[in-house]
N, C-alpha and C. Protein backbone atom coordinates (compact mmCIF):
# COMPACT_ATOMS: atom_id res chain seq x y z
N MET A 1 88.59 -59.20 88.23
CA MET A 1 88.56 -60.12 89.66
C MET A 1 89.49 -58.75 90.48
N ALA A 2 91.02 -59.34 90.09
CA ALA A 2 92.79 -58.12 90.08
C ALA A 2 91.99 -57.15 90.57
N ASN A 3 91.50 -56.89 90.31
CA ASN A 3 91.15 -54.82 90.54
C ASN A 3 90.20 -54.71 91.38
N LYS A 4 89.31 -55.01 91.46
CA LYS A 4 88.53 -55.72 92.42
C LYS A 4 89.29 -55.73 94.14
N ASN A 5 89.57 -56.50 94.17
CA ASN A 5 91.19 -57.16 95.12
C ASN A 5 91.47 -56.38 95.51
N VAL A 6 92.51 -55.66 94.47
CA VAL A 6 93.10 -54.34 94.78
C VAL A 6 92.99 -53.10 95.45
N GLU A 7 90.74 -53.10 95.30
CA GLU A 7 90.29 -51.34 95.67
C GLU A 7 89.66 -52.31 97.09
N SER A 8 89.60 -53.16 97.02
CA SER A 8 89.00 -53.04 98.31
C SER A 8 89.93 -53.48 99.19
N ILE A 9 91.42 -53.61 99.10
CA ILE A 9 92.25 -53.45 99.61
C ILE A 9 92.71 -52.37 99.87
N ARG A 10 92.53 -51.02 98.64
CA ARG A 10 93.43 -50.02 98.91
C ARG A 10 92.56 -49.74 99.99
N ARG A 11 90.59 -49.57 100.15
CA ARG A 11 90.17 -48.93 101.34
C ARG A 11 90.57 -50.47 102.67
N GLU A 12 90.51 -50.53 102.69
CA GLU A 12 90.46 -51.17 103.97
C GLU A 12 92.38 -50.34 104.38
N ILE A 13 92.53 -50.52 103.80
CA ILE A 13 94.48 -50.08 103.91
C ILE A 13 93.92 -48.26 104.58
N THR A 14 93.08 -47.58 104.10
CA THR A 14 92.67 -46.09 104.63
C THR A 14 91.57 -45.84 105.04
N LYS A 15 90.92 -47.26 105.42
CA LYS A 15 90.51 -47.76 106.49
C LYS A 15 90.97 -47.11 108.06
N VAL A 16 92.58 -48.01 108.51
CA VAL A 16 92.91 -48.51 109.41
C VAL A 16 94.00 -47.75 109.23
N GLY A 17 93.89 -46.95 108.73
CA GLY A 17 94.84 -46.08 108.21
C GLY A 17 94.33 -43.80 109.14
N GLU A 18 92.64 -44.71 109.04
CA GLU A 18 92.32 -43.88 110.09
C GLU A 18 91.35 -43.46 111.14
N GLU A 19 91.21 -45.19 111.45
CA GLU A 19 91.04 -45.67 112.91
C GLU A 19 91.81 -45.34 113.44
N ILE A 20 93.72 -44.89 112.86
CA ILE A 20 95.43 -44.71 113.83
C ILE A 20 95.45 -43.12 114.33
N ALA A 21 94.53 -42.82 113.98
CA ALA A 21 94.81 -41.43 113.21
C ALA A 21 93.50 -41.31 114.62
N ARG A 22 92.81 -41.62 114.79
CA ARG A 22 92.00 -41.70 115.64
C ARG A 22 92.44 -42.15 117.03
N THR A 23 92.58 -43.32 116.78
CA THR A 23 93.49 -43.82 118.23
C THR A 23 94.77 -42.91 118.66
N ASP A 24 95.90 -41.88 117.83
CA ASP A 24 96.34 -40.78 118.46
C ASP A 24 96.03 -39.91 119.19
N GLU A 25 94.64 -39.27 118.22
CA GLU A 25 94.18 -38.31 118.49
C GLU A 25 93.82 -38.49 120.73
N LEU A 26 92.79 -39.96 120.48
CA LEU A 26 92.09 -39.89 121.97
C LEU A 26 93.75 -40.65 123.05
N LEU A 27 94.44 -41.12 122.17
CA LEU A 27 96.05 -41.04 123.02
C LEU A 27 96.03 -39.38 124.19
N GLU A 28 96.53 -39.06 123.10
CA GLU A 28 96.26 -37.70 122.77
C GLU A 28 95.89 -36.56 123.67
N LYS A 29 94.51 -37.14 123.96
CA LYS A 29 93.70 -36.37 124.42
C LYS A 29 93.83 -36.94 126.05
N ARG A 30 93.49 -37.59 126.35
CA ARG A 30 93.54 -39.46 128.30
C ARG A 30 95.50 -38.61 128.09
N GLY A 31 96.27 -38.65 127.37
CA GLY A 31 97.82 -38.22 128.52
C GLY A 31 97.60 -36.46 128.73
N ARG A 32 96.31 -35.51 128.74
CA ARG A 32 96.47 -34.18 128.13
C ARG A 32 95.39 -34.01 130.26
N LEU A 33 94.48 -35.40 129.07
CA LEU A 33 93.25 -35.28 131.16
C LEU A 33 94.59 -35.87 131.59
N VAL A 34 94.66 -36.54 132.16
CA VAL A 34 95.84 -37.10 132.74
C VAL A 34 96.71 -36.30 133.57
N GLU A 35 97.07 -35.85 133.14
CA GLU A 35 97.78 -33.91 133.86
C GLU A 35 96.96 -33.38 134.23
N GLU A 36 96.30 -32.99 133.80
CA GLU A 36 94.75 -32.26 134.79
C GLU A 36 94.44 -32.17 136.07
N ALA A 37 94.20 -33.42 135.87
CA ALA A 37 93.72 -34.02 136.85
C ALA A 37 94.90 -34.31 137.78
N ARG A 38 95.50 -35.07 137.62
CA ARG A 38 96.91 -35.03 137.83
C ARG A 38 97.58 -33.23 139.10
N ALA A 39 96.93 -32.31 137.80
CA ALA A 39 97.27 -31.59 138.45
C ALA A 39 95.85 -30.82 139.49
N ALA A 40 94.61 -31.67 139.02
CA ALA A 40 93.95 -30.98 140.53
C ALA A 40 93.45 -32.38 141.37
N GLY A 41 94.93 -32.93 141.54
CA GLY A 41 94.79 -33.84 143.13
C GLY A 41 94.56 -35.07 142.41
N LEU A 42 93.86 -35.37 141.49
CA LEU A 42 93.74 -37.12 141.94
C LEU A 42 94.68 -37.58 141.59
N THR A 43 94.66 -38.88 142.27
CA THR A 43 96.20 -39.85 141.80
C THR A 43 96.66 -40.88 141.37
N PHE A 44 97.07 -41.50 140.89
CA PHE A 44 97.62 -42.15 139.85
C PHE A 44 96.35 -43.42 139.74
N ARG A 45 96.50 -43.47 140.93
CA ARG A 45 95.42 -44.85 140.77
C ARG A 45 94.28 -44.55 140.98
N GLU A 46 92.95 -43.28 141.51
CA GLU A 46 92.02 -43.15 141.35
C GLU A 46 92.37 -43.28 139.55
N ILE A 47 92.63 -42.86 139.01
CA ILE A 47 92.68 -42.11 137.48
C ILE A 47 93.01 -43.30 136.37
N ALA A 48 93.33 -44.78 137.52
CA ALA A 48 93.76 -45.41 136.32
C ALA A 48 92.08 -46.40 137.17
N ALA A 49 91.98 -45.80 137.57
CA ALA A 49 90.73 -47.50 137.91
C ALA A 49 89.10 -46.51 136.59
N LEU A 50 89.54 -45.01 136.99
CA LEU A 50 88.90 -44.12 135.89
C LEU A 50 88.65 -44.81 134.64
N LEU A 51 89.78 -44.98 134.70
CA LEU A 51 89.85 -45.20 132.97
C LEU A 51 90.54 -46.82 132.63
N GLY A 52 90.57 -47.39 133.89
CA GLY A 52 89.90 -48.92 133.55
C GLY A 52 91.43 -49.89 133.16
N ILE A 53 91.97 -49.26 133.49
CA ILE A 53 93.93 -49.47 133.95
C ILE A 53 94.16 -49.76 134.67
N THR A 54 95.38 -50.12 134.57
CA THR A 54 96.20 -50.90 136.20
C THR A 54 97.21 -48.93 136.44
N GLU A 55 97.55 -48.74 137.41
CA GLU A 55 98.91 -48.18 138.03
C GLU A 55 99.67 -48.29 137.05
N THR A 56 100.30 -49.61 136.77
CA THR A 56 100.97 -49.15 136.08
C THR A 56 100.94 -48.95 134.88
N GLY A 57 100.68 -49.57 134.84
CA GLY A 57 100.37 -48.97 133.15
C GLY A 57 100.53 -47.19 132.56
N LEU A 58 99.00 -46.60 133.52
CA LEU A 58 98.92 -45.15 133.68
C LEU A 58 100.08 -44.59 133.38
N ARG A 59 100.85 -45.21 134.76
CA ARG A 59 101.95 -44.16 134.74
C ARG A 59 102.65 -44.25 133.24
N LYS A 60 103.28 -45.61 133.36
CA LYS A 60 104.47 -45.56 131.53
C LYS A 60 102.93 -45.62 130.60
N THR A 61 101.87 -45.25 130.52
CA THR A 61 101.95 -44.22 129.58
C THR A 61 102.01 -42.69 129.19
N GLN A 62 101.72 -42.13 130.80
CA GLN A 62 102.29 -40.79 130.87
C GLN A 62 103.79 -40.65 130.99
N LYS A 63 104.64 -41.68 131.10
CA LYS A 63 105.47 -41.22 130.59
C LYS A 63 106.36 -40.89 129.68
N ALA A 64 105.06 -41.90 128.77
CA ALA A 64 105.78 -42.11 126.96
C ALA A 64 105.01 -40.77 126.21
N PHE A 65 103.69 -40.97 127.07
CA PHE A 65 103.27 -38.61 126.56
C PHE A 65 103.79 -38.08 127.07
N ARG A 66 104.37 -38.12 128.29
CA ARG A 66 105.68 -37.32 128.81
C ARG A 66 106.70 -36.82 127.38
N ALA A 67 108.31 -38.06 127.33
CA ALA A 67 108.42 -38.06 126.20
C ALA A 67 107.94 -37.52 125.19
N ARG A 68 106.74 -37.88 124.32
CA ARG A 68 106.16 -37.51 123.38
C ARG A 68 106.38 -35.53 122.83
N VAL A 69 105.95 -35.45 123.99
CA VAL A 69 105.02 -33.50 124.45
C VAL A 69 106.93 -32.83 125.05
N THR A 70 107.58 -33.47 125.00
CA THR A 70 109.02 -33.15 125.71
C THR A 70 109.92 -33.02 123.64
N THR A 71 109.31 -33.83 123.09
CA THR A 71 110.06 -34.33 121.68
C THR A 71 109.35 -33.32 120.89
N LEU A 72 108.14 -32.95 121.13
CA LEU A 72 107.69 -31.62 120.81
C LEU A 72 107.85 -30.40 120.98
N GLU A 73 107.81 -30.28 121.83
CA GLU A 73 108.28 -29.02 122.60
C GLU A 73 109.34 -28.10 121.57
N ALA A 74 110.97 -29.58 121.86
CA ALA A 74 112.09 -29.47 121.82
C ALA A 74 112.11 -28.90 119.74
N LYS A 75 111.47 -30.10 119.36
CA LYS A 75 111.64 -30.09 118.06
C LYS A 75 110.48 -28.07 117.46
N ALA A 76 109.85 -28.15 118.39
CA ALA A 76 109.22 -26.61 116.88
C ALA A 76 110.36 -25.68 117.94
N SER A 77 110.74 -25.48 119.14
CA SER A 77 111.17 -24.53 118.86
C SER A 77 112.65 -24.40 118.65
């Protein structure tokens, strides 16, 4: 019985890991799309409304996104 429980836990951990990876990919995609939208002339308010989040929340997530991109670019060079 204990082995079945361990296998069940392993499967759940694997599923969570996969979901986290997908979440990270979506956050990256959102960050890039927001940058594109801003370059195209959309306001933070418009973009936030489209995403269903607050303007403040969007600004915070974009600040974090830009920091990640800057860090990754610095490591790559």
